[in-house]
Amino acid sequence: MIFPLERLVKFKGSIYEITAAASRRAYQLAMLKDPEVEEHDGKVVSLAAKQLFSNEVHYRIEQQS
C-alpha cells in the first residue's frame, strides 16, 4: 500500500495531530509485530496512516495540566 496522499490532501483536521498519531501508531505496529504489517510489505507508516484515515484506529489529544 502506498501512503494515502489523496486522503491527506483532503484532510480537514490538524496535520500536526494526524502526523503525531500516525507516528505513534507506526511505532506500536512495529513493536507488536502485527501480522497486518507483513501484508503491507513492512510499510508501517503507510499502514498506520491508512488505519487512521479509514477510522480503523482513533486517536485523541490528552491535555496536560
Protein backbone atom coordinates (compact mmCIF):
# COMPACT_ATOMS: atom_id res chain seq x y z
CA MET A 1 0.00 0.00 0.00
CA ILE A 2 1.21 3.47 -0.84
CA PHE A 3 0.77 6.34 1.63
CA PRO A 4 -2.76 7.74 1.16
CA LEU A 5 -1.77 11.19 -0.15
CA GLU A 6 -5.20 11.96 -1.61
CA ARG A 7 -6.74 11.48 1.85
CA LEU A 8 -4.04 13.66 3.39
CA VAL A 9 -4.76 16.46 0.91
CA LYS A 10 -8.50 16.30 1.71
CA PHE A 11 -7.93 16.07 5.48
CA LYS A 12 -9.57 18.99 7.31
CA GLY A 13 -8.05 18.43 10.76
CA SER A 14 -4.67 19.34 12.20
CA ILE A 15 -1.82 17.95 10.09
CA TYR A 16 0.40 18.00 13.19
CA GLU A 17 -2.07 15.84 15.13
CA ILE A 18 -2.54 13.25 12.36
CA THR A 19 1.23 13.10 11.81
CA ALA A 20 1.89 12.54 15.52
CA ALA A 21 -0.87 9.92 15.67
CA ALA A 22 0.49 8.10 12.60
CA SER A 23 3.99 8.13 14.05
CA ARG A 24 2.79 6.70 17.36
CA ARG A 25 0.64 4.06 15.63
CA ALA A 26 3.51 3.05 13.33
CA TYR A 27 5.71 2.55 16.39
CA GLN A 28 3.00 0.41 18.02
CA LEU A 29 2.62 -1.73 14.91
CA ALA A 30 6.37 -2.24 14.64
CA MET A 31 6.81 -3.14 18.31
CA LEU A 32 3.83 -5.53 18.34
CA LYS A 33 4.99 -7.14 15.11
CA ASP A 34 1.39 -7.01 13.92
CA PRO A 35 0.74 -9.61 11.17
CA GLU A 36 -1.00 -6.92 9.10
CA VAL A 37 2.39 -5.22 8.66
CA GLU A 38 3.65 -8.20 6.65
CA GLU A 39 0.56 -7.98 4.43
CA HIS A 40 1.65 -4.40 3.60
CA ASP A 41 5.27 -5.30 2.80
CA GLY A 42 6.51 -4.00 6.17
CA LYS A 43 5.37 -0.42 5.47
CA VAL A 44 4.29 0.53 8.98
CA VAL A 45 3.84 4.26 8.35
CA SER A 46 1.58 3.70 5.36
CA LEU A 47 -0.43 1.11 7.28
CA ALA A 48 -0.75 3.44 10.28
CA ALA A 49 -1.93 6.30 8.05
CA LYS A 50 -4.44 4.02 6.31
CA GLN A 51 -5.82 2.91 9.69
CA LEU A 52 -6.19 6.49 10.88
CA PHE A 53 -7.76 7.89 7.71
CA SER A 54 -10.21 4.96 7.46
CA ASN A 55 -11.13 5.33 11.15
CA GLU A 56 -9.99 1.79 11.98
CA VAL A 57 -7.94 3.40 14.74
CA HIS A 58 -8.96 6.53 16.64
CA TYR A 59 -6.74 8.99 18.45
CA ARG A 60 -7.21 11.80 20.92
CA ILE A 61 -5.02 14.56 22.25
CA GLU A 62 -4.63 14.49 26.01
CA GLN A 63 -4.41 17.85 27.71
CA GLN A 64 -1.65 18.18 30.26
CA SER A 65 -2.49 20.05 33.41
